Protein backbone atom coordinates (compact mmCIF):
# COMPACT_ATOMS: atom_id res chain seq x y z
CA MET A 1 142.81 106.21 80.79
CA GLU A 2 145.05 103.59 82.41
CA PRO A 3 147.60 101.65 80.16
CA ASP A 4 145.76 98.43 80.65
CA GLU A 5 142.23 100.05 79.76
CA ARG A 6 143.98 101.42 76.80
CA VAL A 7 145.19 98.14 75.58
CA LEU A 8 141.78 96.48 76.05
CA LEU A 9 140.09 99.38 74.25
CA VAL A 10 142.48 99.01 71.31
CA LYS A 11 141.92 95.27 71.14
CA THR A 12 138.32 95.54 71.30
CA LEU A 13 137.92 98.15 68.61
CA ARG A 14 140.39 96.36 66.28
CA GLN A 15 138.27 93.25 66.79
CA LEU A 16 135.05 95.01 65.85
CA ALA A 17 136.55 96.74 62.86
CA GLU A 18 137.94 93.39 61.45
CA ALA A 19 134.69 91.56 62.08
CA PHE A 20 132.09 94.07 60.75
CA ASP A 21 131.98 96.68 57.89
CA GLY A 22 129.72 99.38 56.83
CA ALA A 23 126.18 99.44 58.59
CA GLU A 24 126.91 96.38 60.65
CA LEU A 25 130.15 98.11 62.16
CA THR A 26 128.17 101.28 62.82
CA ARG A 27 125.63 99.24 64.75
CA ALA A 28 128.41 97.41 66.59
CA LEU A 29 130.02 100.69 67.48
CA ASP A 30 126.56 102.17 68.70
CA GLY A 31 126.18 99.25 70.77
CA PHE A 32 129.86 99.34 72.31
CA GLY A 33 128.93 103.18 73.17
CA PHE A 34 131.64 104.61 70.99
CA ALA A 35 129.72 108.05 70.93
CA ASP A 36 130.05 108.18 74.72
CA LEU A 37 133.64 106.99 74.69
CA LEU A 38 134.41 109.72 72.14
CA ALA A 39 132.90 112.50 74.54
CA GLN A 40 134.93 111.22 77.33
CA SER A 41 138.34 110.24 75.76
CA PRO A 42 138.32 111.65 72.23
CA HIS A 43 142.11 110.97 71.80
CA GLU A 44 142.03 107.26 72.71
CA ALA A 45 138.71 106.76 70.70
CA VAL A 46 139.70 108.32 67.57
CA SER A 47 143.26 107.03 67.48
CA SER A 48 142.07 103.36 68.36
CA LEU A 49 139.13 102.93 66.12
CA PHE A 50 140.33 104.85 63.02
CA THR A 51 143.80 103.16 62.97
CA ALA A 52 141.94 99.78 63.22
CA MET A 53 139.45 100.75 60.42
CA GLY A 54 142.52 101.74 58.28
CA ARG A 55 144.17 98.35 58.93
CA ALA A 56 141.04 96.33 58.42
CA GLY A 57 139.89 98.22 55.38
CA SER A 58 136.36 98.84 57.09
CA THR A 59 134.16 101.70 57.08
CA SER A 60 131.46 103.00 59.56
CA ALA A 61 129.65 106.23 60.46
CA ALA A 62 132.11 107.05 63.20
CA LEU A 63 133.51 109.82 61.37
CA GLN A 64 130.17 111.62 61.55
CA ASP A 65 130.42 111.15 65.43
CA VAL A 66 133.80 112.84 65.41
CA LEU A 67 132.73 115.70 63.03
CA ALA A 68 129.70 116.35 65.16
CA LEU A 69 131.52 116.61 68.45
CA PRO A 70 132.83 120.21 68.10
CA LEU A 71 129.21 121.36 67.36
CA ALA A 72 127.76 119.81 70.50
CA GLY A 73 126.62 122.83 72.73
CA VAL A 74 127.39 125.37 70.12
CA ALA A 75 124.84 124.85 67.33
CA HIS A 76 121.24 124.90 68.81
CA GLU A 77 119.74 121.40 69.03
CA GLY A 78 123.32 120.09 68.46
CA ALA A 79 124.61 117.90 65.68
CA ALA A 80 123.73 114.57 66.97
CA GLY A 81 122.13 112.27 64.32
CA HIS A 82 122.97 114.55 61.50
CA SER A 83 125.23 113.91 58.76
CA ILE A 84 128.04 116.71 58.24
CA VAL A 85 128.60 117.62 54.64
CA LEU A 86 132.06 118.19 53.86
CA PRO A 87 133.27 120.33 51.04
CA HIS A 88 133.83 118.65 47.66
CA ILE A 89 137.30 117.89 46.62
CA GLY A 90 139.31 120.99 46.37
CA ALA A 91 136.65 123.37 47.63
CA PRO A 92 136.97 125.52 50.81
CA LEU A 93 133.30 125.03 51.81
CA ALA A 94 130.36 122.85 50.98
CA GLY A 95 128.42 125.79 49.22
CA THR A 96 126.98 129.08 49.62
CA PHE A 97 123.82 130.73 51.20
CA GLU A 98 122.93 133.90 49.58
CA ASP A 99 119.65 135.86 49.65
CA GLU A 100 118.25 132.98 51.71
CA THR A 101 118.99 130.60 48.85
CA LEU A 102 121.24 127.60 49.30
CA THR A 103 123.49 126.23 46.70
CA LEU A 104 125.15 122.98 48.01
CA ARG A 105 127.70 120.63 46.51
CA GLY A 106 129.43 118.52 49.06
CA LEU A 107 130.51 114.93 50.34
CA VAL A 108 129.31 112.90 53.07
CA LEU A 109 131.47 109.92 54.50
CA GLY A 110 129.51 107.44 56.74
CA ARG A 111 126.16 108.89 56.00
CA ARG A 112 123.70 108.51 59.14
CA PRO A 113 120.29 106.93 58.13
CA SER A 114 118.30 109.99 59.53
CA GLY A 115 118.81 111.94 56.19
CA ALA A 116 119.20 115.16 58.25
CA PHE A 117 122.17 117.22 57.22
CA LEU A 118 124.42 120.20 58.51
CA ALA A 119 126.59 121.97 56.01
CA PRO A 120 129.27 124.64 56.41
CA VAL A 121 128.74 127.11 53.61
CA GLY A 122 129.91 130.74 52.64
CA SER A 123 127.76 133.94 53.09
CA GLU A 124 128.05 137.53 53.17
CA GLU A 125 128.72 137.19 56.98
CA GLY A 126 131.47 134.47 56.35
CA VAL A 127 131.12 130.70 57.39
CA VAL A 128 127.58 129.72 58.33
CA TRP A 129 126.14 126.40 59.31
CA VAL A 130 122.85 125.45 57.73
CA ARG A 131 120.36 122.68 57.70
CA PRO A 132 118.54 122.17 54.38
CA ALA A 133 114.98 122.72 55.09
CA ASP A 134 113.63 120.57 52.16
CA GLN A 135 115.25 117.01 52.23
CA LYS A 136 113.40 116.23 49.08
CA ALA A 137 115.05 119.11 47.33
CA LEU A 138 118.40 117.39 47.77
CA SER A 139 120.11 115.13 45.27
CA CYS A 140 121.95 112.36 47.03
CA ARG A 141 124.12 110.24 44.91
CA VAL A 142 126.52 107.47 45.97
CA VAL A 143 129.94 108.01 44.38
CA ALA A 144 131.01 104.73 42.58
CA GLY A 145 134.54 105.97 42.21
CA LEU A 146 138.07 104.44 42.93
CA ASP A 147 136.92 103.02 46.30
CA SER A 148 133.15 102.22 45.79
CA ALA A 149 133.20 100.53 49.26
CA LEU A 150 133.48 103.67 50.96
CA ALA A 151 129.99 104.68 49.71
CA ILE A 152 130.70 108.39 49.74
CA THR A 153 127.54 110.43 49.06
CA GLU A 154 127.62 113.37 47.16
CA VAL A 155 124.84 115.97 48.23
CA THR A 156 123.85 118.86 46.05
CA THR A 157 120.98 121.36 45.51
CA THR A 158 120.61 124.48 43.84
CA GLY A 159 117.96 127.28 44.92
CA GLY A 160 116.96 125.43 48.00
CA ARG A 161 115.82 126.66 51.31
CA ALA A 162 117.75 126.24 54.61
CA GLU A 163 117.81 127.11 58.29
CA VAL A 164 120.84 128.98 59.69
CA VAL A 165 121.81 127.12 62.88
CA LEU A 166 125.09 128.98 63.47
CA ALA A 167 126.57 132.10 62.31
CA GLY A 168 129.23 134.50 63.03
CA GLU A 169 132.60 134.04 64.79
CA ALA A 170 131.22 130.83 66.55
CA ALA A 171 130.42 129.46 63.03
CA ALA A 172 134.05 130.03 61.68
CA GLU A 173 135.69 128.72 65.00
CA SER A 174 133.52 125.52 65.08
CA TRP A 175 134.27 124.94 61.38
CA HIS A 176 137.93 125.06 62.03
CA SER A 177 137.44 122.72 65.03
CA VAL A 178 135.42 120.23 62.76
CA VAL A 179 138.19 120.29 60.06
CA ALA A 180 140.83 119.59 62.61
CA ALA A 181 138.89 116.75 64.17
CA GLY A 182 138.21 115.30 60.73
CA ARG A 183 141.70 115.50 59.50
CA ARG A 184 142.89 113.77 62.66
CA ALA A 185 140.58 110.89 62.30
CA LEU A 186 141.07 110.51 58.55
CA GLY A 187 144.83 110.79 59.37
CA TYR A 188 144.76 107.73 61.56
CA GLN A 189 142.76 105.81 59.05
CA ILE A 190 145.40 106.53 56.36
CA VAL A 191 148.27 105.54 58.61
CA GLY A 192 146.42 102.35 59.50
CA ALA A 193 146.05 101.49 55.91
CA ALA A 194 149.81 102.40 55.13
CA GLY A 195 150.69 100.06 58.06
CA ARG A 196 148.65 97.17 56.57
CA MET A 197 150.45 97.91 53.09
CA ILE A 198 153.73 97.50 55.00
CA GLU A 199 152.67 94.41 56.75
CA LEU A 200 151.61 92.75 53.31
CA ALA A 201 154.81 93.51 51.87
CA VAL A 202 156.78 92.42 54.79
CA ASP A 203 154.98 88.97 54.81
CA HIS A 204 155.63 88.70 51.02
CA ALA A 205 159.38 89.43 51.46
CA ARG A 206 159.68 86.84 54.13
CA ASP A 207 157.86 84.14 51.95
CA ARG A 208 159.21 85.02 48.44
CA VAL A 209 162.44 83.14 47.62
CA GLN A 210 164.83 84.26 44.84
CA PHE A 211 168.26 82.71 44.20
CA GLY A 212 167.75 80.56 47.12
CA HIS A 213 166.98 83.21 49.81
CA PRO A 214 163.91 85.13 50.91
CA ILE A 215 163.80 88.51 49.23
CA GLY A 216 163.70 90.13 52.50
CA SER A 217 167.20 89.22 53.09
CA PHE A 218 168.33 91.74 50.18
CA GLN A 219 169.55 94.91 51.02
CA ALA A 220 167.53 96.79 48.38
CA VAL A 221 164.18 95.46 49.55
CA ARG A 222 165.14 96.05 53.17
CA HIS A 223 165.82 99.79 52.37
CA ARG A 224 162.38 100.08 50.63
CA LEU A 225 160.51 98.68 53.58
CA ALA A 226 162.47 100.77 55.97
CA ASP A 227 161.56 103.97 54.05
CA ALA A 228 157.97 103.05 54.11
CA PHE A 229 158.15 102.29 57.90
CA VAL A 230 159.91 105.58 58.83
CA ALA A 231 157.49 107.57 56.86
CA ARG A 232 154.47 105.70 58.73
CA GLU A 233 156.07 106.10 62.10
CA GLY A 234 156.72 109.87 61.63
CA ALA A 235 153.09 110.44 60.51
CA ALA A 236 151.84 108.38 63.67
CA ALA A 237 153.92 110.62 65.73
CA ALA A 238 152.64 113.82 64.17
CA LEU A 239 149.04 112.70 64.78
CA GLU A 240 149.65 112.01 68.40
CA LEU A 241 151.41 115.41 68.87
CA ALA A 242 148.48 117.10 67.03
CA TRP A 243 146.34 116.54 70.18
CA GLU A 244 148.64 118.74 72.24
CA ALA A 245 149.70 121.55 69.92
CA GLU A 246 148.67 125.10 70.76
CA ASP A 247 147.54 125.67 67.11
CA GLU A 248 144.96 122.96 66.50
CA GLN A 249 144.31 123.99 62.90
CA LEU A 250 147.94 124.06 61.84
CA ALA A 251 148.84 120.70 63.64
CA GLY A 252 145.78 118.99 62.00
CA MET A 253 147.04 120.13 58.54
CA LEU A 254 150.51 119.19 59.24
CA ALA A 255 149.43 115.64 60.58
CA LYS A 256 147.10 114.78 57.68
CA SER A 257 149.55 115.93 55.25
CA LEU A 258 152.29 113.71 56.72
CA ALA A 259 149.74 110.77 56.73
CA GLY A 260 148.94 111.18 53.12
CA ARG A 261 152.76 111.42 52.28
CA ALA A 262 153.65 108.37 54.33
CA ALA A 263 150.71 106.32 52.29
CA ARG A 264 152.23 107.40 49.01
CA ILE A 265 155.65 106.28 50.18
CA ALA A 266 154.36 103.21 51.46
CA ALA A 267 152.37 102.42 48.34
CA THR A 268 155.38 103.09 45.95
CA GLN A 269 157.77 101.09 48.07
CA CYS A 270 155.50 98.09 48.89
CA GLN A 271 154.36 97.72 45.39
CA GLN A 272 157.89 97.39 44.27
CA VAL A 273 158.42 94.60 46.85
CA LEU A 274 155.29 92.96 46.02
CA ALA A 275 156.12 93.24 42.39
CA GLY A 276 153.56 91.55 39.95
CA VAL A 277 151.46 90.03 42.66
CA GLY A 278 150.70 93.51 44.03
CA PHE A 279 148.89 94.36 40.71
CA THR A 280 146.39 91.53 41.07
CA ALA A 281 142.81 91.79 42.15
CA GLU A 282 143.20 88.57 44.23
CA HIS A 283 145.72 90.15 46.55
CA SER A 284 144.50 92.56 49.17
CA PHE A 285 147.17 95.25 48.70
CA HIS A 286 144.94 97.31 46.29
CA ARG A 287 142.33 97.56 48.80
CA PHE A 288 144.33 99.60 51.16
CA LEU A 289 146.05 101.55 48.27
CA VAL A 290 142.86 102.91 46.89
CA ARG A 291 141.47 103.48 50.46
CA ALA A 292 144.47 105.67 51.49
CA THR A 293 144.36 107.44 48.14
CA VAL A 294 140.64 108.48 48.37
CA LEU A 295 140.91 109.41 52.15
CA ASP A 296 143.94 111.51 51.39
CA ALA A 297 141.85 113.77 48.99
CA VAL A 298 139.29 114.73 51.58
CA LEU A 299 139.77 117.83 53.60
CA GLY A 300 142.98 118.36 51.77
CA SER A 301 145.59 116.14 50.26
CA ALA A 302 149.35 115.65 50.92
CA GLY A 303 149.82 117.65 47.72
CA GLU A 304 147.57 120.63 48.57
CA LEU A 305 148.16 120.94 52.38
CA PRO A 306 151.75 121.89 52.29
CA ARG A 307 150.89 125.12 50.35
CA ALA A 308 148.06 125.81 52.67
CA ILE A 309 150.43 125.39 55.57
CA GLY A 310 152.98 127.74 54.06
CA ALA A 311 150.23 130.38 53.19
CA ARG A 312 149.14 130.25 56.82
CA LEU A 313 152.67 130.78 58.03
CA VAL A 314 153.22 133.57 55.72
CA SER A 315 150.02 135.40 56.67
CA THR A 316 150.66 135.16 60.46
CA GLY A 317 154.38 136.20 60.01
CA ALA A 318 155.30 133.50 62.68
CA ILE A 319 155.99 129.78 63.15
CA PRO A 320 154.35 128.62 66.12
CA ARG A 321 155.61 125.83 68.59
CA LEU A 322 153.50 122.80 67.81
CA VAL A 323 154.89 120.72 70.61
CA GLN A 324 157.16 121.22 73.64
CA LEU A 325 160.40 119.19 73.11
């Protein structure tokens, strides 16, 4: 993609993310042709849209397009139009499939209206992808938690029937690709939210006057904002390099871990700069704080992923080169 084309793309997606939210943004992205753009230029599509959604605090079903892309051409009938069920917080998979019986407990972000689901579950053969056969047997509950605006749906069933759409080594490999793609997308959205927190704190530091001077002129305030900015830039750089790494799974884990860490640093330092106003419901800071906090927990948090990275390195006995310097 040419530089001027990328600039136009970023500008357009940012405008859509700021103008619309939820189902309206999903429809706008469908009309824009986001799915086609994602298939042709996944790096540009994901980085531009999810950073824009993070900065705007908006949501859409675009994550489902990202998660479904690695399954295209692998699972029969593909995954288009389906909603991918992700593991519940802290779980390795979305459920189990034993003796032709499905037990499911997972989360869907940006649920598609069709009602069809695909879920990665554990079986005697390892990871398998299944499609629940009876949609009426599923319990779907919108999670009204810390960030109710995300409209995360919890999908559960016990003793249900399901169709296996992908099994064996291909199922495990596609699951790793889906997780890596999801972590990159969520990482960009978290980094976008962290960037917006920094912008709000910077604006406040310019406007707030104490002892006759803007507080942004005080060294302590500058250091806090610099810490947040450096963490955010480091996470953004890791996300960009994750597209080029030989070990996609490890790079995705590292990038999302750094994104979550950057959000925590930004939240801590920017809250200190904003002081009391940052705690108020009238100020928008809390929207980006809770959004980053919830997204950090999906597909591994900044607290969990470093341990997973260490375990992976120990198991392989080698440290792969993530990028050529």
